[in-house]
PDB file of N, CA and C in Angstrom:
ATOM      1  N   ARG A   1       3.715  10.220  17.246  1.00  0.00           N
ATOM      2  CA  ARG A   1       3.633  10.922  15.982  1.00  0.00           C
ATOM      3  C   ARG A   1       4.698  12.013  15.950  1.00  0.00           C
ATOM      4  N   PRO A   2       5.307  12.211  14.793  1.00  0.00           N
ATOM      5  CA  PRO A   2       6.343  13.241  14.704  1.00  0.00           C
ATOM      6  C   PRO A   2       5.744  14.641  14.786  1.00  0.00           C
ATOM      7  N   SER A   3       6.539  15.565  15.271  1.00  0.00           N
ATOM      8  CA  SER A   3       6.121  16.965  15.324  1.00  0.00           C
ATOM      9  C   SER A   3       6.252  17.590  13.950  1.00  0.00           C
ATOM     10  N   HIS A   4       5.378  18.552  13.651  1.00  0.00           N
ATOM     11  CA  HIS A   4       5.428  19.259  12.378  1.00  0.00           C
ATOM     12  C   HIS A   4       5.423  20.761  12.632  1.00  0.00           C
ATOM     13  N   SER A   5       6.078  21.493  11.743  1.00  0.00           N
ATOM     14  CA  SER A   5       6.100  22.949  11.842  1.00  0.00           C
ATOM     15  C   SER A   5       4.782  23.520  11.336  1.00  0.00           C
ATOM     16  N   ARG A   6       4.669  24.838  11.358  1.00  0.00           N
ATOM     17  CA  ARG A   6       3.452  25.490  10.868  1.00  0.00           C
ATOM     18  C   ARG A   6       3.220  25.214   9.391  1.00  0.00           C
ATOM     19  N   HIS A   7       4.288  24.917   8.656  1.00  0.00           N
ATOM     20  CA  HIS A   7       4.197  24.671   7.219  1.00  0.00           C
ATOM     21  C   HIS A   7       4.086  23.180   6.909  1.00  0.00           C
ATOM     22  N   THR A   8       3.743  22.374   7.882  1.00  0.00           N
ATOM     23  CA  THR A   8       3.569  20.918   7.798  1.00  0.00           C
ATOM     24  C   THR A   8       4.836  20.160   7.409  1.00  0.00           C
ATOM     25  N   CYS A   9       5.993  20.778   7.618  1.00  0.00           N
ATOM     26  CA  CYS A   9       7.262  20.079   7.406  1.00  0.00           C
ATOM     27  C   CYS A   9       7.652  19.387   8.707  1.00  0.00           C
ATOM     28  N   PRO A  10       8.214  18.185   8.646  1.00  0.00           N
ATOM     29  CA  PRO A  10       8.651  17.527   9.881  1.00  0.00           C
ATOM     30  C   PRO A  10       9.723  18.350  10.588  1.00  0.00           C
ATOM     31  N   VAL A  11       9.622  18.433  11.888  1.00  0.00           N
ATOM     32  CA  VAL A  11      10.626  19.136  12.683  1.00  0.00           C
ATOM     33  C   VAL A  11      11.831  18.221  12.817  1.00  0.00           C
ATOM     34  N   THR A  12      12.997  18.715  12.475  1.00  0.00           N
ATOM     35  CA  THR A  12      14.214  17.912  12.548  1.00  0.00           C
ATOM     36  C   THR A  12      15.213  18.563  13.489  1.00  0.00           C
ATOM     37  N   ALA A  13      16.147  17.767  13.967  1.00  0.00           N
ATOM     38  CA  ALA A  13      17.182  18.266  14.863  1.00  0.00           C
ATOM     39  C   ALA A  13      18.410  17.376  14.746  1.00  0.00           C
ATOM     40  N   VAL A  14      19.548  17.924  15.133  1.00  0.00           N
ATOM     41  CA  VAL A  14      20.792  17.160  15.173  1.00  0.00           C
ATOM     42  C   VAL A  14      20.870  16.466  16.524  1.00  0.00           C
ATOM     43  N   VAL A  15      21.131  15.163  16.506  1.00  0.00           N
ATOM     44  CA  VAL A  15      21.282  14.394  17.739  1.00  0.00           C
ATOM     45  C   VAL A  15      22.756  14.068  17.894  1.00  0.00           C
ATOM     46  N   HIS A  16      23.352  14.529  18.969  1.00  0.00           N
ATOM     47  CA  HIS A  16      24.768  14.264  19.202  1.00  0.00           C
ATOM     48  C   HIS A  16      24.973  12.799  19.593  1.00  0.00           C
ATOM     49  N   LEU A  17      26.029  12.199  19.081  1.00  0.00           N
ATOM     50  CA  LEU A  17      26.264  10.770  19.302  1.00  0.00           C
ATOM     51  C   LEU A  17      26.410  10.404  20.769  1.00  0.00           C
ATOM     52  N   ASP A  18      26.952  11.307  21.575  1.00  0.00           N
ATOM     53  CA  ASP A  18      27.142  10.968  22.986  1.00  0.00           C
ATOM     54  C   ASP A  18      25.836  11.022  23.791  1.00  0.00           C
ATOM     55  N   THR A  19      24.717  11.402  23.155  1.00  0.00           N
ATOM     56  CA  THR A  19      23.428  11.421  23.849  1.00  0.00           C
ATOM     57  C   THR A  19      22.545  10.227  23.504  1.00  0.00           C
ATOM     58  N   ILE A  20      23.002   9.373  22.593  1.00  0.00           N
ATOM     59  CA  ILE A  20      22.211   8.203  22.206  1.00  0.00           C
ATOM     60  C   ILE A  20      22.361   7.125  23.272  1.00  0.00           C
ATOM     61  N   PHE A  21      21.239   6.655  23.783  1.00  0.00           N
ATOM     62  CA  PHE A  21      21.256   5.654  24.846  1.00  0.00           C
ATOM     63  C   PHE A  21      21.285   4.237  24.292  1.00  0.00           C
ATOM     64  N   ARG A  22      20.474   3.971  23.273  1.00  0.00           N
ATOM     65  CA  ARG A  22      20.389   2.632  22.707  1.00  0.00           C
ATOM     66  C   ARG A  22      19.847   2.725  21.288  1.00  0.00           C
ATOM     67  N   GLY A  23      20.338   1.854  20.428  1.00  0.00           N
ATOM     68  CA  GLY A  23      19.824   1.784  19.065  1.00  0.00           C
ATOM     69  C   GLY A  23      18.437   1.165  19.050  1.00  0.00           C
ATOM     70  N   ALA A  24      17.716   1.358  17.973  1.00  0.00           N
ATOM     71  CA  ALA A  24      16.365   0.804  17.865  1.00  0.00           C
ATOM     72  C   ALA A  24      16.167   0.177  16.498  1.00  0.00           C
ATOM     73  N   HIS A  25      15.341  -0.851  16.441  1.00  0.00           N
ATOM     74  CA  HIS A  25      14.975  -1.488  15.185  1.00  0.00           C
ATOM     75  C   HIS A  25      13.683  -0.834  14.712  1.00  0.00           C
ATOM     76  N   LEU A  26      13.764  -0.057  13.630  1.00  0.00           N
ATOM     77  CA  LEU A  26      12.606   0.657  13.110  1.00  0.00           C
ATOM     78  C   LEU A  26      11.996  -0.103  11.944  1.00  0.00           C
ATOM     79  N   ILE A  27      10.671  -0.118  11.880  1.00  0.00           N
ATOM     80  CA  ILE A  27       9.941  -0.764  10.794  1.00  0.00           C
ATOM     81  C   ILE A  27       9.084   0.307  10.130  1.00  0.00           C
ATOM     82  N   GLY A  28       9.307   0.542   8.846  1.00  0.00           N
ATOM     83  CA  GLY A  28       8.557   1.564   8.125  1.00  0.00           C
ATOM     84  C   GLY A  28       7.086   1.211   7.993  1.00  0.00           C
ATOM     85  N   VAL A  29       6.231   2.202   8.156  1.00  0.00           N
ATOM     86  CA  VAL A  29       4.788   2.011   8.012  1.00  0.00           C
ATOM     87  C   VAL A  29       4.432   2.220   6.546  1.00  0.00           C
ATOM     88  N   THR A  30       3.958   1.169   5.886  1.00  0.00           N
ATOM     89  CA  THR A  30       3.651   1.247   4.458  1.00  0.00           C
ATOM     90  C   THR A  30       2.184   1.521   4.183  1.00  0.00           C
ATOM     91  N   GLY A  31       1.334   1.372   5.165  1.00  0.00           N
ATOM     92  CA  GLY A  31      -0.097   1.553   4.926  1.00  0.00           C
ATOM     93  C   GLY A  31      -0.638   0.392   4.117  1.00  0.00           C
ATOM     94  N   SER A  32      -1.434   0.692   3.110  1.00  0.00           N
ATOM     95  CA  SER A  32      -2.026  -0.374   2.303  1.00  0.00           C
ATOM     96  C   SER A  32      -1.231  -0.656   1.034  1.00  0.00           C
ATOM     97  N   SER A  33      -0.119   0.035   0.836  1.00  0.00           N
ATOM     98  CA  SER A  33       0.678  -0.160  -0.381  1.00  0.00           C
ATOM     99  C   SER A  33       1.778  -1.199  -0.154  1.00  0.00           C
ATOM    100  N   PHE A  34       2.309  -1.723  -1.235  1.00  0.00           N
ATOM    101  CA  PHE A  34       3.381  -2.706  -1.185  1.00  0.00           C
ATOM    102  C   PHE A  34       4.694  -2.056  -1.597  1.00  0.00           C
ATOM    103  N   LEU A  35       5.799  -2.634  -1.163  1.00  0.00           N
ATOM    104  CA  LEU A  35       7.120  -2.162  -1.585  1.00  0.00           C
ATOM    105  C   LEU A  35       7.524  -2.871  -2.868  1.00  0.00           C
ATOM    106  N   LEU A  36       8.272  -2.176  -3.699  1.00  0.00           N
ATOM    107  CA  LEU A  36       8.781  -2.781  -4.923  1.00  0.00           C
ATOM    108  C   LEU A  36       9.841  -3.821  -4.589  1.00  0.00           C
ATOM    109  N   GLU A  37      10.021  -4.804  -5.444  1.00  0.00           N
ATOM    110  CA  GLU A  37      11.050  -5.828  -5.220  1.00  0.00           C
ATOM    111  C   GLU A  37      12.442  -5.222  -5.204  1.00  0.00           C
ATOM    112  N   GLU A  38      12.643  -4.131  -5.922  1.00  0.00           N
ATOM    113  CA  GLU A  38      13.953  -3.489  -6.008  1.00  0.00           C
ATOM    114  C   GLU A  38      14.282  -2.671  -4.763  1.00  0.00           C
ATOM    115  N   PHE A  39      13.333  -2.534  -3.853  1.00  0.00           N
ATOM    116  CA  PHE A  39      13.543  -1.723  -2.651  1.00  0.00           C
ATOM    117  C   PHE A  39      14.634  -2.346  -1.786  1.00  0.00           C
ATOM    118  N   THR A  40      15.582  -1.531  -1.331  1.00  0.00           N
ATOM    119  CA  THR A  40      16.640  -2.001  -0.432  1.00  0.00           C
ATOM    120  C   THR A  40      16.658  -1.148   0.826  1.00  0.00           C
ATOM    121  N   PHE A  41      17.303  -1.632   1.835  1.00  0.00           N
ATOM    122  CA  PHE A  41      17.367  -0.923   3.104  1.00  0.00           C
ATOM    123  C   PHE A  41      18.173   0.370   3.030  1.00  0.00           C
ATOM    124  N   HIS A  42      18.934   0.571   1.969  1.00  0.00           N
ATOM    125  CA  HIS A  42      19.759   1.776   1.847  1.00  0.00           C
ATOM    126  C   HIS A  42      18.930   3.056   1.824  1.00  0.00           C
ATOM    127  N   TYR A  43      17.688   2.964   1.389  1.00  0.00           N
ATOM    128  CA  TYR A  43      16.850   4.148   1.217  1.00  0.00           C
ATOM    129  C   TYR A  43      15.642   4.145   2.150  1.00  0.00           C
ATOM    130  N   THR A  44      15.757   3.513   3.283  1.00  0.00           N
ATOM    131  CA  THR A  44      14.621   3.330   4.179  1.00  0.00           C
ATOM    132  C   THR A  44      14.013   4.640   4.654  1.00  0.00           C
ATOM    133  N   PHE A  45      14.822   5.641   4.952  1.00  0.00           N
ATOM    134  CA  PHE A  45      14.285   6.877   5.514  1.00  0.00           C
ATOM    135  C   PHE A  45      13.616   7.764   4.472  1.00  0.00           C
ATOM    136  N   ASP A  46      13.855   7.546   3.200  1.00  0.00           N
ATOM    137  CA  ASP A  46      13.270   8.394   2.161  1.00  0.00           C
ATOM    138  C   ASP A  46      11.772   8.148   1.934  1.00  0.00           C
ATOM    139  N   PRO A  47      11.312   6.913   1.718  1.00  0.00           N
ATOM    140  CA  PRO A  47       9.894   6.726   1.376  1.00  0.00           C
ATOM    141  C   PRO A  47       8.934   6.690   2.568  1.00  0.00           C
ATOM    142  N   PHE A  48       9.438   6.497   3.777  1.00  0.00           N
ATOM    143  CA  PHE A  48       8.551   6.355   4.931  1.00  0.00           C
ATOM    144  C   PHE A  48       8.466   7.645   5.737  1.00  0.00           C
ATOM    145  N   SER A  49       7.264   7.977   6.169  1.00  0.00           N
ATOM    146  CA  SER A  49       7.056   9.141   7.032  1.00  0.00           C
ATOM    147  C   SER A  49       6.920   8.727   8.490  1.00  0.00           C
ATOM    148  N   TYR A  50       6.487   7.487   8.717  1.00  0.00           N
ATOM    149  CA  TYR A  50       6.257   6.988  10.065  1.00  0.00           C
ATOM    150  C   TYR A  50       6.936   5.639  10.236  1.00  0.00           C
ATOM    151  N   PHE A  51       7.318   5.343  11.491  1.00  0.00           N
ATOM    152  CA  PHE A  51       7.997   4.091  11.794  1.00  0.00           C
ATOM    153  C   PHE A  51       7.426   3.482  13.060  1.00  0.00           C
ATOM    154  N   TYR A  52       7.388   2.162  13.089  1.00  0.00           N
ATOM    155  CA  TYR A  52       7.123   1.423  14.314  1.00  0.00           C
ATOM    156  C   TYR A  52       8.470   1.105  14.952  1.00  0.00           C
ATOM    157  N   VAL A  53       8.518   1.079  16.282  1.00  0.00           N
ATOM    158  CA  VAL A  53       9.711   0.630  16.995  1.00  0.00           C
ATOM    159  C   VAL A  53       9.479  -0.823  17.366  1.00  0.00           C
ATOM    160  N   ASN A  54      10.382  -1.706  16.948  1.00  0.00           N
ATOM    161  CA  ASN A  54      10.255  -3.124  17.263  1.00  0.00           C
ATOM    162  C   ASN A  54      10.726  -3.344  18.698  1.00  0.00           C
ATOM    163  N   LYS A  55       9.776  -3.389  19.618  1.00  0.00           N
ATOM    164  CA  LYS A  55      10.137  -3.539  21.026  1.00  0.00           C
ATOM    165  C   LYS A  55      10.590  -4.954  21.361  1.00  0.00           C
ATOM    166  N   TYR A  56      10.421  -5.888  20.424  1.00  0.00           N
ATOM    167  CA  TYR A  56      10.834  -7.266  20.658  1.00  0.00           C
ATOM    168  C   TYR A  56      12.180  -7.588  20.018  1.00  0.00           C
ATOM    169  N   ALA A  57      12.913  -6.584  19.533  1.00  0.00           N
ATOM    170  CA  ALA A  57      14.195  -6.821  18.867  1.00  0.00           C
ATOM    171  C   ALA A  57      15.180  -7.511  19.812  1.00  0.00           C
ATOM    172  N   ASP A  58      15.209  -7.086  21.050  1.00  0.00           N
ATOM    173  CA  ASP A  58      16.006  -7.766  22.069  1.00  0.00           C
ATOM    174  C   ASP A  58      15.476  -7.380  23.450  1.00  0.00           C
ATOM    175  N   HIS A  59      15.934  -8.075  24.448  1.00  0.00           N
ATOM    176  CA  HIS A  59      15.444  -7.875  25.813  1.00  0.00           C
ATOM    177  C   HIS A  59      15.716  -6.458  26.298  1.00  0.00           C
ATOM    178  N   HIS A  60      16.882  -5.908  26.004  1.00  0.00           N
ATOM    179  CA  HIS A  60      17.261  -4.588  26.503  1.00  0.00           C
ATOM    180  C   HIS A  60      16.409  -3.485  25.878  1.00  0.00           C
ATOM    181  N   THR A  61      16.090  -3.620  24.599  1.00  0.00           N
ATOM    182  CA  THR A  61      15.228  -2.635  23.951  1.00  0.00           C
ATOM    183  C   THR A  61      13.848  -2.643  24.590  1.00  0.00           C
ATOM    184  N   TYR A  62      13.312  -3.831  24.842  1.00  0.00           N
ATOM    185  CA  TYR A  62      11.992  -3.941  25.459  1.00  0.00           C
ATOM    186  C   TYR A  62      11.992  -3.293  26.841  1.00  0.00           C
ATOM    187  N   GLU A  63      13.006  -3.562  27.636  1.00  0.00           N
ATOM    188  CA  GLU A  63      13.085  -3.012  28.989  1.00  0.00           C
ATOM    189  C   GLU A  63      13.244  -1.495  28.965  1.00  0.00           C
ATOM    190  N   THR A  64      13.966  -0.968  27.987  1.00  0.00           N
ATOM    191  CA  THR A  64      14.198   0.472  27.901  1.00  0.00           C
ATOM    192  C   THR A  64      12.958   1.211  27.413  1.00  0.00           C
ATOM    193  N   ALA A  65      12.324   0.699  26.352  1.00  0.00           N
ATOM    194  CA  ALA A  65      11.208   1.407  25.727  1.00  0.00           C
ATOM    195  C   ALA A  65       9.894   1.231  26.471  1.00  0.00           C
ATOM    196  N   PHE A  66       9.721   0.097  27.131  1.00  0.00           N
ATOM    197  CA  PHE A  66       8.420  -0.175  27.725  1.00  0.00           C
ATOM    198  C   PHE A  66       8.598  -0.623  29.141  1.00  0.00           C
TER     199      PHE A  66
END
């Protein structure tokens, strides 16, 4: 679960590119609602508050995350 400040805002930080170990395939958690047909991947981070990490995206991701 993401960390939140005292004002219930998500805690954010700048991640330097040279500290990234591996990319991840994120899947937005929609709950019980459906996405509109017009929804595109360009705006993925805006409507979702939580994400699943797809540990089966490739062998290296699985070995790193789990």
